[in-house]
Amino acid sequence: MEAMTMLVLGFQLLALFSIAGALLIYLICKVREDSASANAHSHPNRVVLITSADTALGLQLCTHLANKGYRVFAGMKEAQDSLPAKLLCSWMKIREYSEEPIAGTIIPMRLDVTREDVLREATVIIGANLNADERGIAAVINTSGSVFRGQVESQNVQQWEHMLRTNILGTLRVAKAFVCFLRPTRGRLLYLGGVSGGGNARNGGDGLVAFNASRVAVDKCAEELRKELHPYGVSVVALDTCGMTAESLYKAPVAQTMSLVVGAPTQYTADVLSPDALHVIERALWDYVPQQRYALLSHNKYQFALPCRSSLRLQMPVASTVGENASQSV
C-alpha cells in the first residue's frame, strides 16, 4: 500500500509540474509578444519599403502593415495602370470608408531592382515623402525576385540570366540604393532567404537548379552585407521560406471568379502567408535585438492556414483577369 501511495504521489507531482511548466511557457510567450508589440508601437519610425508589390506576397505585406499603422512605400514596375496598383488603390478606398479605416497608409511608387535609373528615382520619391523630422525609414523588405522552372538541358539561357540579374544583382542594388535611408535610423534590411543550402529541399530535382543556385548566392550576399553594415547599426535579416514553393514567393494575385454569370466581377486574393507568418515578420521588424534568420513557417507536423483579417480580397471586372504563367518574375 505504501508503494502504491508513493506512485500516486509521484503522478500527482508530475501533473503539477507539467501544469506549472505549461503556465510558465505561456507567460513567457505572452510577455515576449507584449514586448514586441510595445517595441513596434513605441518605435519612432514606422516607415517601411516593400520593393515589389507586384506579387501576392508583397501586396499582402503592404495591406497588413498598413493595417498596423505603418506608412508603406509599395514598389511596383508600373505604379498606376498595373493590376496590383489598381488592387491597392481599390483596397485603400474600401478601407477608407469602412467602419474600421486603416491606421497607416500606402504610397505606390515605381521600382525595378534591375534598373539603376528607376532605383535612383525611387530614392528621390522616398526622400520627398518623408516628414521633416524623419531622417530615414525603419526597414526595407526585399520581395523582388524571379523564378523559372525547367531542366538545365532544355531551359533558355536568358531565363538563367534574368534570375541572376533579379535575384542576386537585385539584392545588391537594393542595398546600394536604400542603405542611406537605413543608416540614420539603424534600420533593417529584410530579404527572402532560402533554407540551409539555399533552396527548398522539397523542390530538389524539380527544375530549379538555376533558381536554387541564385538563392545560395543571395544568402551569401546577405551574409557579407550583414558584416559590412553592422558597424553602422543596420541589421540584415533573412526571412526563411523553408516549406514554401518557389512560385508562391513571386506569384501574381490569384483571380477567383465567384460567379459563372458573364460579366460578373472577379475576386482577387493575395493570401500567401498565414497570420503566424505575418507575426514573425513583425518580430523581424521590431525585435529589440533581431535574429539573423526568422522562419516564416513553423516546423510542426501539422500546419493550419487560418484566414487573415488584413488579407487582400478585392473584386475587379472580368476583363482585368490575367492569365497564369509558368514563370514568375517581379
C-alpha atoms as a PDB file:
ATOM      1  CA  MET A   1       0.000   0.000   0.000  1.00  0.00           C
ATOM      2  CA  GLU A   2       2.872   2.333   0.797  1.00  0.00           C
ATOM      3  CA  ALA A   3       4.403   1.762  -2.642  1.00  0.00           C
ATOM      4  CA  MET A   4       1.085   2.489  -4.314  1.00  0.00           C
ATOM      5  CA  THR A   5       0.756   5.710  -2.325  1.00  0.00           C
ATOM      6  CA  MET A   6       4.216   6.802  -3.441  1.00  0.00           C
ATOM      7  CA  LEU A   7       3.323   6.031  -7.069  1.00  0.00           C
ATOM      8  CA  VAL A   8       0.131   8.076  -6.883  1.00  0.00           C
ATOM      9  CA  LEU A   9       2.005  10.924  -5.216  1.00  0.00           C
ATOM     10  CA  GLY A  10       4.613  10.792  -7.964  1.00  0.00           C
ATOM     11  CA  PHE A  11       1.985  11.051 -10.690  1.00  0.00           C
ATOM     12  CA  GLN A  12       0.355  13.972  -8.886  1.00  0.00           C
ATOM     13  CA  LEU A  13       3.675  15.804  -8.612  1.00  0.00           C
ATOM     14  CA  LEU A  14       4.377  15.119 -12.307  1.00  0.00           C
ATOM     15  CA  ALA A  15       0.993  16.536 -13.281  1.00  0.00           C
ATOM     16  CA  LEU A  16       1.545  19.561 -11.045  1.00  0.00           C
ATOM     17  CA  PHE A  17       4.976  20.302 -12.532  1.00  0.00           C
ATOM     18  CA  SER A  18       3.565  19.844 -16.056  1.00  0.00           C
ATOM     19  CA  ILE A  19       0.832  22.381 -15.401  1.00  0.00           C
ATOM     20  CA  ALA A  20       3.309  24.800 -13.836  1.00  0.00           C
ATOM     21  CA  GLY A  21       5.685  24.381 -16.782  1.00  0.00           C
ATOM     22  CA  ALA A  22       2.931  24.978 -19.335  1.00  0.00           C
ATOM     23  CA  LEU A  23       1.817  28.081 -17.451  1.00  0.00           C
ATOM     24  CA  LEU A  24       5.383  29.370 -17.290  1.00  0.00           C
ATOM     25  CA  ILE A  25       5.853  28.853 -21.052  1.00  0.00           C
ATOM     26  CA  TYR A  26       2.565  30.654 -21.730  1.00  0.00           C
ATOM     27  CA  LEU A  27       3.590  33.610 -19.569  1.00  0.00           C
ATOM     28  CA  ILE A  28       6.998  33.833 -21.260  1.00  0.00           C
ATOM     29  CA  CYS A  29       5.406  33.801 -24.726  1.00  0.00           C
ATOM     30  CA  LYS A  30       2.831  36.376 -23.613  1.00  0.00           C
ATOM     31  CA  VAL A  31       5.485  38.714 -22.235  1.00  0.00           C
ATOM     32  CA  ARG A  32       7.532  38.278 -25.399  1.00  0.00           C
ATOM     33  CA  GLU A  33       4.551  39.144 -27.644  1.00  0.00           C
ATOM     34  CA  ASP A  34       3.614  42.144 -25.496  1.00  0.00           C
ATOM     35  CA  SER A  35       7.225  43.323 -25.565  1.00  0.00           C
ATOM     36  CA  ALA A  36       7.377  43.020 -29.348  1.00  0.00           C
ATOM     37  CA  SER A  37       4.082  44.880 -29.672  1.00  0.00           C
ATOM     38  CA  ALA A  38       5.299  47.591 -27.327  1.00  0.00           C
ATOM     39  CA  ASN A  39       8.513  47.942 -29.295  1.00  0.00           C
ATOM     40  CA  ALA A  40       6.537  48.344 -32.521  1.00  0.00           C
ATOM     41  CA  HIS A  41       4.182  50.970 -31.122  1.00  0.00           C
ATOM     42  CA  SER A  42       6.944  52.880 -29.320  1.00  0.00           C
ATOM     43  CA  HIS A  43       9.253  52.875 -32.316  1.00  0.00           C
ATOM     44  CA  PRO A  44       9.581  56.488 -33.531  1.00  0.00           C
ATOM     45  CA  ASN A  45       9.869  55.481 -37.186  1.00  0.00           C
ATOM     46  CA  ARG A  46       7.127  53.358 -38.746  1.00  0.00           C
ATOM     47  CA  VAL A  47       8.045  53.746 -42.413  1.00  0.00           C
ATOM     48  CA  VAL A  48       8.706  50.591 -44.441  1.00  0.00           C
ATOM     49  CA  LEU A  49       9.607  49.978 -48.080  1.00  0.00           C
ATOM     50  CA  ILE A  50       8.333  46.838 -49.855  1.00  0.00           C
ATOM     51  CA  THR A  51      10.426  46.562 -53.015  1.00  0.00           C
ATOM     52  CA  SER A  52       7.794  44.636 -55.021  1.00  0.00           C
ATOM     53  CA  ALA A  53       4.052  44.818 -54.502  1.00  0.00           C
ATOM     54  CA  ASP A  54       3.588  43.204 -57.912  1.00  0.00           C
ATOM     55  CA  THR A  55       3.476  39.852 -56.107  1.00  0.00           C
ATOM     56  CA  ALA A  56       0.685  38.462 -53.969  1.00  0.00           C
ATOM     57  CA  LEU A  57       3.138  38.231 -51.076  1.00  0.00           C
ATOM     58  CA  GLY A  58       4.179  41.873 -51.484  1.00  0.00           C
ATOM     59  CA  LEU A  59       0.556  43.014 -51.668  1.00  0.00           C
ATOM     60  CA  GLN A  60      -0.298  41.068 -48.532  1.00  0.00           C
ATOM     61  CA  LEU A  61       2.597  42.649 -46.640  1.00  0.00           C
ATOM     62  CA  CYS A  62       1.565  46.131 -47.784  1.00  0.00           C
ATOM     63  CA  THR A  63      -2.020  45.763 -46.606  1.00  0.00           C
ATOM     64  CA  HIS A  64      -1.054  44.016 -43.379  1.00  0.00           C
ATOM     65  CA  LEU A  65       1.491  46.648 -42.339  1.00  0.00           C
ATOM     66  CA  ALA A  66      -0.825  49.496 -43.344  1.00  0.00           C
ATOM     67  CA  ASN A  67      -3.488  47.948 -41.106  1.00  0.00           C
ATOM     68  CA  LYS A  68      -0.929  48.016 -38.299  1.00  0.00           C
ATOM     69  CA  GLY A  69      -0.376  51.737 -38.741  1.00  0.00           C
ATOM     70  CA  TYR A  70       2.772  51.766 -40.859  1.00  0.00           C
ATOM     71  CA  ARG A  71       3.447  54.098 -43.757  1.00  0.00           C
ATOM     72  CA  VAL A  72       4.329  51.724 -46.578  1.00  0.00           C
ATOM     73  CA  PHE A  73       6.150  52.545 -49.800  1.00  0.00           C
ATOM     74  CA  ALA A  74       4.921  49.923 -52.267  1.00  0.00           C
ATOM     75  CA  GLY A  75       7.340  49.354 -55.136  1.00  0.00           C
ATOM     76  CA  MET A  76       5.871  48.347 -58.499  1.00  0.00           C
ATOM     77  CA  LYS A  77       7.157  48.173 -62.030  1.00  0.00           C
ATOM     78  CA  GLU A  78       4.090  50.188 -63.055  1.00  0.00           C
ATOM     79  CA  ALA A  79       2.602  52.215 -60.220  1.00  0.00           C
ATOM     80  CA  GLN A  80      -0.544  53.466 -61.964  1.00  0.00           C
ATOM     81  CA  ASP A  81      -2.132  51.222 -64.563  1.00  0.00           C
ATOM     82  CA  SER A  82      -0.967  47.772 -63.443  1.00  0.00           C
ATOM     83  CA  LEU A  83      -3.315  45.283 -61.813  1.00  0.00           C
ATOM     84  CA  PRO A  84      -1.503  45.392 -58.418  1.00  0.00           C
ATOM     85  CA  ALA A  85      -1.665  49.204 -58.423  1.00  0.00           C
ATOM     86  CA  LYS A  86      -5.407  49.128 -59.122  1.00  0.00           C
ATOM     87  CA  LEU A  87      -5.944  46.493 -56.434  1.00  0.00           C
ATOM     88  CA  LEU A  88      -4.080  48.553 -53.843  1.00  0.00           C
ATOM     89  CA  CYS A  89      -5.951  51.710 -54.802  1.00  0.00           C
ATOM     90  CA  SER A  90      -9.295  49.898 -54.525  1.00  0.00           C
ATOM     91  CA  TRP A  91      -8.318  48.350 -51.201  1.00  0.00           C
ATOM     92  CA  MET A  92      -7.367  51.726 -49.723  1.00  0.00           C
ATOM     93  CA  LYS A  93     -10.644  53.294 -50.884  1.00  0.00           C
ATOM     94  CA  ILE A  94     -12.681  50.431 -49.443  1.00  0.00           C
ATOM     95  CA  ARG A  95     -10.901  50.622 -46.085  1.00  0.00           C
ATOM     96  CA  GLU A  96     -11.171  54.415 -46.043  1.00  0.00           C
ATOM     97  CA  TYR A  97     -14.957  54.200 -45.983  1.00  0.00           C
ATOM     98  CA  SER A  98     -15.201  51.110 -43.795  1.00  0.00           C
ATOM     99  CA  GLU A  99     -16.153  51.063 -40.124  1.00  0.00           C
ATOM    100  CA  GLU A 100     -12.508  50.489 -39.229  1.00  0.00           C
ATOM    101  CA  PRO A 101     -10.359  52.642 -41.557  1.00  0.00           C
ATOM    102  CA  ILE A 102      -6.683  51.774 -41.839  1.00  0.00           C
ATOM    103  CA  ALA A 103      -4.353  53.481 -39.375  1.00  0.00           C
ATOM    104  CA  GLY A 104      -1.467  53.643 -41.833  1.00  0.00           C
ATOM    105  CA  THR A 105      -1.092  54.497 -45.489  1.00  0.00           C
ATOM    106  CA  ILE A 106       0.347  53.040 -48.694  1.00  0.00           C
ATOM    107  CA  ILE A 107       2.339  55.059 -51.212  1.00  0.00           C
ATOM    108  CA  PRO A 108       2.650  53.251 -54.566  1.00  0.00           C
ATOM    109  CA  MET A 109       5.856  54.058 -56.415  1.00  0.00           C
ATOM    110  CA  ARG A 110       7.714  52.821 -59.473  1.00  0.00           C
ATOM    111  CA  LEU A 111      10.546  50.454 -58.589  1.00  0.00           C
ATOM    112  CA  ASP A 112      12.507  47.913 -60.606  1.00  0.00           C
ATOM    113  CA  VAL A 113      15.515  46.271 -58.948  1.00  0.00           C
ATOM    114  CA  THR A 114      17.100  45.541 -62.344  1.00  0.00           C
ATOM    115  CA  ARG A 115      17.268  49.216 -63.354  1.00  0.00           C
ATOM    116  CA  GLU A 116      19.506  51.653 -61.530  1.00  0.00           C
ATOM    117  CA  ASP A 117      17.829  54.700 -63.087  1.00  0.00           C
ATOM    118  CA  VAL A 118      14.467  53.601 -61.655  1.00  0.00           C
ATOM    119  CA  LEU A 119      16.088  52.919 -58.281  1.00  0.00           C
ATOM    120  CA  ARG A 120      17.520  56.445 -58.239  1.00  0.00           C
ATOM    121  CA  GLU A 121      14.072  57.851 -58.976  1.00  0.00           C
ATOM    122  CA  ALA A 122      12.670  55.755 -56.121  1.00  0.00           C
ATOM    123  CA  THR A 123      15.139  57.225 -53.637  1.00  0.00           C
ATOM    124  CA  VAL A 124      14.068  60.725 -54.669  1.00  0.00           C
ATOM    125  CA  ILE A 125      10.386  59.829 -54.191  1.00  0.00           C
ATOM    126  CA  ILE A 126      11.038  58.371 -50.729  1.00  0.00           C
ATOM    127  CA  GLY A 127      13.031  61.410 -49.665  1.00  0.00           C
ATOM    128  CA  ALA A 128      10.279  63.734 -50.876  1.00  0.00           C
ATOM    129  CA  ASN A 129       7.609  61.838 -48.901  1.00  0.00           C
ATOM    130  CA  LEU A 130       9.446  61.751 -45.570  1.00  0.00           C
ATOM    131  CA  ASN A 131       8.350  64.148 -42.871  1.00  0.00           C
ATOM    132  CA  ALA A 132      10.661  66.904 -41.728  1.00  0.00           C
ATOM    133  CA  ASP A 133      11.502  65.069 -38.504  1.00  0.00           C
ATOM    134  CA  GLU A 134      12.195  61.738 -40.244  1.00  0.00           C
ATOM    135  CA  ARG A 135      15.821  61.041 -41.089  1.00  0.00           C
ATOM    136  CA  GLY A 136      15.152  57.790 -42.892  1.00  0.00           C
ATOM    137  CA  ILE A 137      12.989  54.675 -42.883  1.00  0.00           C
ATOM    138  CA  ALA A 138      12.744  51.792 -40.458  1.00  0.00           C
ATOM    139  CA  ALA A 139      13.078  48.857 -42.835  1.00  0.00           C
ATOM    140  CA  VAL A 140      13.347  47.633 -46.399  1.00  0.00           C
ATOM    141  CA  ILE A 141      11.693  44.303 -47.221  1.00  0.00           C
ATOM    142  CA  ASN A 142      13.048  42.953 -50.500  1.00  0.00           C
ATOM    143  CA  THR A 143      10.243  40.908 -52.030  1.00  0.00           C
ATOM    144  CA  SER A 144      11.555  41.219 -55.591  1.00  0.00           C
ATOM    145  CA  GLY A 145      12.670  38.064 -57.334  1.00  0.00           C
ATOM    146  CA  SER A 146      12.323  35.766 -60.295  1.00  0.00           C
ATOM    147  CA  VAL A 147      11.829  32.040 -60.786  1.00  0.00           C
ATOM    148  CA  PHE A 148      11.730  29.942 -63.951  1.00  0.00           C
ATOM    149  CA  ARG A 149      11.272  26.214 -63.646  1.00  0.00           C
ATOM    150  CA  GLY A 150      12.874  23.891 -66.197  1.00  0.00           C
ATOM    151  CA  GLN A 151      15.535  21.251 -66.774  1.00  0.00           C
ATOM    152  CA  VAL A 152      19.017  22.639 -67.375  1.00  0.00           C
ATOM    153  CA  GLU A 153      19.480  20.955 -70.753  1.00  0.00           C
ATOM    154  CA  SER A 154      16.293  22.457 -72.171  1.00  0.00           C
ATOM    155  CA  GLN A 155      15.962  25.739 -70.292  1.00  0.00           C
ATOM    156  CA  ASN A 156      16.502  29.052 -72.048  1.00  0.00           C
ATOM    157  CA  VAL A 157      19.772  30.707 -71.005  1.00  0.00           C
ATOM    158  CA  GLN A 158      18.004  34.067 -70.943  1.00  0.00           C
ATOM    159  CA  GLN A 159      15.879  32.772 -68.084  1.00  0.00           C
ATOM    160  CA  TRP A 160      19.037  31.998 -66.111  1.00  0.00           C
ATOM    161  CA  GLU A 161      20.358  35.481 -66.777  1.00  0.00           C
ATOM    162  CA  HIS A 162      17.050  37.035 -65.704  1.00  0.00           C
ATOM    163  CA  MET A 163      17.058  35.107 -62.406  1.00  0.00           C
ATOM    164  CA  LEU A 164      20.674  36.003 -61.674  1.00  0.00           C
ATOM    165  CA  ARG A 165      20.100  39.645 -62.590  1.00  0.00           C
ATOM    166  CA  THR A 166      16.932  39.947 -60.493  1.00  0.00           C
ATOM    167  CA  ASN A 167      17.729  37.722 -57.511  1.00  0.00           C
ATOM    168  CA  ILE A 168      21.444  38.361 -56.999  1.00  0.00           C
ATOM    169  CA  LEU A 169      22.230  41.737 -58.535  1.00  0.00           C
ATOM    170  CA  GLY A 170      18.802  42.973 -57.425  1.00  0.00           C
ATOM    171  CA  THR A 171      19.691  42.195 -53.803  1.00  0.00           C
ATOM    172  CA  LEU A 172      22.897  44.202 -54.065  1.00  0.00           C
ATOM    173  CA  ARG A 173      21.221  47.078 -55.912  1.00  0.00           C
ATOM    174  CA  VAL A 174      18.514  47.329 -53.241  1.00  0.00           C
ATOM    175  CA  ALA A 175      21.167  47.569 -50.532  1.00  0.00           C
ATOM    176  CA  LYS A 176      23.155  50.136 -52.502  1.00  0.00           C
ATOM    177  CA  ALA A 177      20.131  52.321 -53.233  1.00  0.00           C
ATOM    178  CA  PHE A 178      18.376  52.332 -49.853  1.00  0.00           C
ATOM    179  CA  VAL A 179      21.018  51.805 -47.166  1.00  0.00           C
ATOM    180  CA  CYS A 180      21.299  55.599 -46.972  1.00  0.00           C
ATOM    181  CA  PHE A 181      17.767  55.612 -45.519  1.00  0.00           C
ATOM    182  CA  LEU A 182      18.546  52.803 -43.050  1.00  0.00           C
ATOM    183  CA  ARG A 183      21.828  54.092 -41.625  1.00  0.00           C
ATOM    184  CA  PRO A 184      20.368  57.170 -39.826  1.00  0.00           C
ATOM    185  CA  THR A 185      17.633  55.089 -38.186  1.00  0.00           C
ATOM    186  CA  ARG A 186      19.768  51.985 -37.587  1.00  0.00           C
ATOM    187  CA  GLY A 187      17.089  50.207 -39.594  1.00  0.00           C
ATOM    188  CA  ARG A 188      16.755  46.725 -41.034  1.00  0.00           C
ATOM    189  CA  LEU A 189      17.092  45.114 -44.436  1.00  0.00           C
ATOM    190  CA  LEU A 190      14.874  42.026 -44.772  1.00  0.00           C
ATOM    191  CA  TYR A 191      15.113  39.607 -47.649  1.00  0.00           C
ATOM    192  CA  LEU A 192      13.549  36.268 -48.582  1.00  0.00           C
ATOM    193  CA  GLY A 193      16.171  33.708 -47.654  1.00  0.00           C
ATOM    194  CA  GLY A 194      16.482  30.079 -48.612  1.00  0.00           C
ATOM    195  CA  VAL A 195      16.867  27.133 -46.270  1.00  0.00           C
ATOM    196  CA  SER A 196      20.246  25.670 -45.411  1.00  0.00           C
ATOM    197  CA  GLY A 197      21.874  25.073 -48.745  1.00  0.00           C
ATOM    198  CA  GLY A 198      19.960  27.905 -50.364  1.00  0.00           C
ATOM    199  CA  GLY A 199      16.903  26.066 -51.716  1.00  0.00           C
ATOM    200  CA  ASN A 200      13.813  24.221 -50.711  1.00  0.00           C
ATOM    201  CA  ALA A 201      14.691  20.569 -50.347  1.00  0.00           C
ATOM    202  CA  ARG A 202      11.177  19.567 -51.341  1.00  0.00           C
ATOM    203  CA  ASN A 203      11.800  21.092 -54.757  1.00  0.00           C
ATOM    204  CA  GLY A 204      15.063  19.267 -55.399  1.00  0.00           C
ATOM    205  CA  GLY A 205      15.239  17.823 -58.908  1.00  0.00           C
ATOM    206  CA  ASP A 206      12.135  19.759 -59.989  1.00  0.00           C
ATOM    207  CA  GLY A 207      13.824  22.041 -62.479  1.00  0.00           C
ATOM    208  CA  LEU A 208      15.050  24.667 -60.021  1.00  0.00           C
ATOM    209  CA  VAL A 209      18.808  24.289 -60.411  1.00  0.00           C
ATOM    210  CA  ALA A 210      19.424  27.867 -61.537  1.00  0.00           C
ATOM    211  CA  PHE A 211      16.907  29.301 -59.079  1.00  0.00           C
ATOM    212  CA  ASN A 212      18.369  27.424 -56.094  1.00  0.00           C
ATOM    213  CA  ALA A 213      21.865  28.475 -57.156  1.00  0.00           C
ATOM    214  CA  SER A 214      20.722  32.089 -57.121  1.00  0.00           C
ATOM    215  CA  ARG A 215      19.247  31.621 -53.635  1.00  0.00           C
ATOM    216  CA  VAL A 216      22.584  30.323 -52.351  1.00  0.00           C
ATOM    217  CA  ALA A 217      24.232  33.428 -53.780  1.00  0.00           C
ATOM    218  CA  VAL A 218      21.592  35.698 -52.238  1.00  0.00           C
ATOM    219  CA  ASP A 219      22.210  34.165 -48.801  1.00  0.00           C
ATOM    220  CA  LYS A 220      25.935  34.738 -49.212  1.00  0.00           C
ATOM    221  CA  CYS A 221      25.367  38.334 -50.353  1.00  0.00           C
ATOM    222  CA  ALA A 222      23.243  38.977 -47.286  1.00  0.00           C
ATOM    223  CA  GLU A 223      25.871  37.409 -45.031  1.00  0.00           C
ATOM    224  CA  GLU A 224      28.550  39.747 -46.373  1.00  0.00           C
ATOM    225  CA  LEU A 225      26.181  42.733 -46.254  1.00  0.00           C
ATOM    226  CA  ARG A 226      25.472  41.914 -42.606  1.00  0.00           C
ATOM    227  CA  LYS A 227      29.191  42.205 -41.819  1.00  0.00           C
ATOM    228  CA  GLU A 228      29.597  45.409 -43.810  1.00  0.00           C
ATOM    229  CA  LEU A 229      26.553  47.201 -42.391  1.00  0.00           C
ATOM    230  CA  HIS A 230      26.896  46.048 -38.776  1.00  0.00           C
ATOM    231  CA  PRO A 231      29.225  48.920 -37.771  1.00  0.00           C
ATOM    232  CA  TYR A 232      26.510  51.365 -38.879  1.00  0.00           C
ATOM    233  CA  GLY A 233      23.822  49.642 -36.817  1.00  0.00           C
ATOM    234  CA  VAL A 234      21.935  48.316 -39.852  1.00  0.00           C
ATOM    235  CA  SER A 235      20.664  44.755 -39.396  1.00  0.00           C
ATOM    236  CA  VAL A 236      20.337  42.335 -42.308  1.00  0.00           C
ATOM    237  CA  VAL A 237      17.658  39.734 -41.583  1.00  0.00           C
ATOM    238  CA  ALA A 238      16.663  36.635 -43.551  1.00  0.00           C
ATOM    239  CA  LEU A 239      13.030  35.538 -43.714  1.00  0.00           C
ATOM    240  CA  ASP A 240      13.450  31.783 -44.084  1.00  0.00           C
ATOM    241  CA  THR A 241      10.946  30.483 -46.625  1.00  0.00           C
ATOM    242  CA  CYS A 242      11.518  26.782 -45.934  1.00  0.00           C
ATOM    243  CA  GLY A 243       8.326  24.906 -46.759  1.00  0.00           C
ATOM    244  CA  MET A 244       7.072  27.399 -49.333  1.00  0.00           C
ATOM    245  CA  THR A 245       7.205  26.646 -53.049  1.00  0.00           C
ATOM    246  CA  ALA A 246       9.373  28.863 -55.205  1.00  0.00           C
ATOM    247  CA  GLU A 247       6.415  30.027 -57.287  1.00  0.00           C
ATOM    248  CA  SER A 248       4.417  31.075 -54.221  1.00  0.00           C
ATOM    249  CA  LEU A 249       7.057  33.675 -53.376  1.00  0.00           C
ATOM    250  CA  TYR A 250       6.678  35.580 -56.629  1.00  0.00           C
ATOM    251  CA  LYS A 251       3.239  34.694 -57.979  1.00  0.00           C
ATOM    252  CA  ALA A 252       0.788  37.409 -59.025  1.00  0.00           C
ATOM    253  CA  PRO A 253      -2.513  37.975 -57.185  1.00  0.00           C
ATOM    254  CA  VAL A 254      -4.777  35.000 -57.821  1.00  0.00           C
ATOM    255  CA  ALA A 255      -8.038  35.612 -59.701  1.00  0.00           C
ATOM    256  CA  GLN A 256     -11.069  33.750 -58.363  1.00  0.00           C
ATOM    257  CA  THR A 257     -14.296  34.136 -60.340  1.00  0.00           C
ATOM    258  CA  MET A 258     -17.138  33.980 -57.842  1.00  0.00           C
ATOM    259  CA  SER A 259     -19.922  33.583 -60.397  1.00  0.00           C
ATOM    260  CA  LEU A 260     -20.383  31.861 -63.745  1.00  0.00           C
ATOM    261  CA  VAL A 261     -22.545  34.746 -64.957  1.00  0.00           C
ATOM    262  CA  VAL A 262     -20.959  36.627 -67.849  1.00  0.00           C
ATOM    263  CA  GLY A 263     -19.680  39.998 -66.715  1.00  0.00           C
ATOM    264  CA  ALA A 264     -19.622  39.083 -63.035  1.00  0.00           C
ATOM    265  CA  PRO A 265     -16.765  40.672 -61.049  1.00  0.00           C
ATOM    266  CA  THR A 266     -13.654  38.660 -60.377  1.00  0.00           C
ATOM    267  CA  GLN A 267     -12.294  38.462 -56.856  1.00  0.00           C
ATOM    268  CA  TYR A 268      -8.541  38.586 -56.353  1.00  0.00           C
ATOM    269  CA  THR A 269      -6.806  37.183 -53.326  1.00  0.00           C
ATOM    270  CA  ALA A 270      -3.276  37.679 -52.046  1.00  0.00           C
ATOM    271  CA  ASP A 271      -3.285  35.146 -49.219  1.00  0.00           C
ATOM    272  CA  VAL A 272       0.251  33.765 -49.190  1.00  0.00           C
ATOM    273  CA  LEU A 273       1.310  33.990 -45.554  1.00  0.00           C
ATOM    274  CA  SER A 274      -0.596  32.773 -42.526  1.00  0.00           C
ATOM    275  CA  PRO A 275      -1.291  35.118 -39.569  1.00  0.00           C
ATOM    276  CA  ASP A 276       1.546  33.383 -37.699  1.00  0.00           C
ATOM    277  CA  ALA A 277       3.977  34.113 -40.533  1.00  0.00           C
ATOM    278  CA  LEU A 278       2.895  37.754 -40.622  1.00  0.00           C
ATOM    279  CA  HIS A 279       3.522  37.953 -36.885  1.00  0.00           C
ATOM    280  CA  VAL A 280       7.004  36.550 -37.458  1.00  0.00           C
ATOM    281  CA  ILE A 281       7.710  39.352 -39.927  1.00  0.00           C
ATOM    282  CA  GLU A 282       6.548  41.904 -37.355  1.00  0.00           C
ATOM    283  CA  ARG A 283       9.008  40.396 -34.892  1.00  0.00           C
ATOM    284  CA  ALA A 284      11.760  40.611 -37.503  1.00  0.00           C
ATOM    285  CA  LEU A 285      10.931  44.289 -37.888  1.00  0.00           C
ATOM    286  CA  TRP A 286      10.695  45.257 -34.231  1.00  0.00           C
ATOM    287  CA  ASP A 287      12.549  42.761 -32.008  1.00  0.00           C
ATOM    288  CA  TYR A 288      14.916  44.816 -29.867  1.00  0.00           C
ATOM    289  CA  VAL A 289      17.803  42.560 -30.854  1.00  0.00           C
ATOM    290  CA  PRO A 290      16.859  40.977 -34.187  1.00  0.00           C
ATOM    291  CA  GLN A 291      17.872  37.460 -35.076  1.00  0.00           C
ATOM    292  CA  GLN A 292      19.798  36.817 -38.268  1.00  0.00           C
ATOM    293  CA  ARG A 293      17.061  34.485 -39.547  1.00  0.00           C
ATOM    294  CA  TYR A 294      13.354  34.055 -38.869  1.00  0.00           C
ATOM    295  CA  ALA A 295      11.388  31.019 -40.096  1.00  0.00           C
ATOM    296  CA  LEU A 296       8.087  32.031 -41.695  1.00  0.00           C
ATOM    297  CA  LEU A 297       6.661  28.536 -41.318  1.00  0.00           C
ATOM    298  CA  SER A 298       6.870  26.509 -38.138  1.00  0.00           C
ATOM    299  CA  HIS A 299       8.325  23.046 -38.471  1.00  0.00           C
ATOM    300  CA  ASN A 300       5.394  21.364 -36.769  1.00  0.00           C
ATOM    301  CA  LYS A 301       3.978  18.228 -38.338  1.00  0.00           C
ATOM    302  CA  TYR A 302       0.565  19.843 -38.651  1.00  0.00           C
ATOM    303  CA  GLN A 303       0.102  23.159 -40.464  1.00  0.00           C
ATOM    304  CA  PHE A 304      -3.115  25.138 -40.385  1.00  0.00           C
ATOM    305  CA  ALA A 305      -3.788  28.158 -42.636  1.00  0.00           C
ATOM    306  CA  LEU A 306      -6.217  30.478 -40.902  1.00  0.00           C
ATOM    307  CA  PRO A 307      -7.918  33.443 -42.609  1.00  0.00           C
ATOM    308  CA  CYS A 308      -6.091  36.723 -42.078  1.00  0.00           C
ATOM    309  CA  ARG A 309      -8.083  39.865 -41.431  1.00  0.00           C
ATOM    310  CA  SER A 310      -5.638  42.048 -43.352  1.00  0.00           C
ATOM    311  CA  SER A 311      -5.565  39.815 -46.420  1.00  0.00           C
ATOM    312  CA  LEU A 312      -6.278  41.455 -49.728  1.00  0.00           C
ATOM    313  CA  ARG A 313      -9.566  40.348 -51.291  1.00  0.00           C
ATOM    314  CA  LEU A 314     -10.973  42.640 -53.938  1.00  0.00           C
ATOM    315  CA  GLN A 315     -13.312  42.435 -56.881  1.00  0.00           C
ATOM    316  CA  MET A 316     -12.346  43.648 -60.330  1.00  0.00           C
ATOM    317  CA  PRO A 317     -14.119  43.360 -63.693  1.00  0.00           C
ATOM    318  CA  VAL A 318     -13.601  40.113 -65.563  1.00  0.00           C
ATOM    319  CA  ALA A 319     -11.742  41.935 -68.314  1.00  0.00           C
ATOM    320  CA  SER A 320      -8.921  42.623 -65.860  1.00  0.00           C
ATOM    321  CA  THR A 321      -8.233  38.950 -65.294  1.00  0.00           C
ATOM    322  CA  VAL A 322      -4.659  38.000 -66.038  1.00  0.00           C
ATOM    323  CA  GLY A 323      -3.647  34.532 -67.147  1.00  0.00           C
ATOM    324  CA  GLU A 324      -1.344  32.330 -65.150  1.00  0.00           C
ATOM    325  CA  ASN A 325       2.190  31.809 -66.438  1.00  0.00           C
ATOM    326  CA  ALA A 326       4.629  29.006 -65.859  1.00  0.00           C
ATOM    327  CA  SER A 327       7.183  31.578 -64.718  1.00  0.00           C
ATOM    328  CA  GLN A 328       7.067  34.328 -62.141  1.00  0.00           C
ATOM    329  CA  SER A 329       9.128  37.495 -62.248  1.00  0.00           C
ATOM    330  CA  VAL A 330       8.787  40.762 -60.368  1.00  0.00           C
END
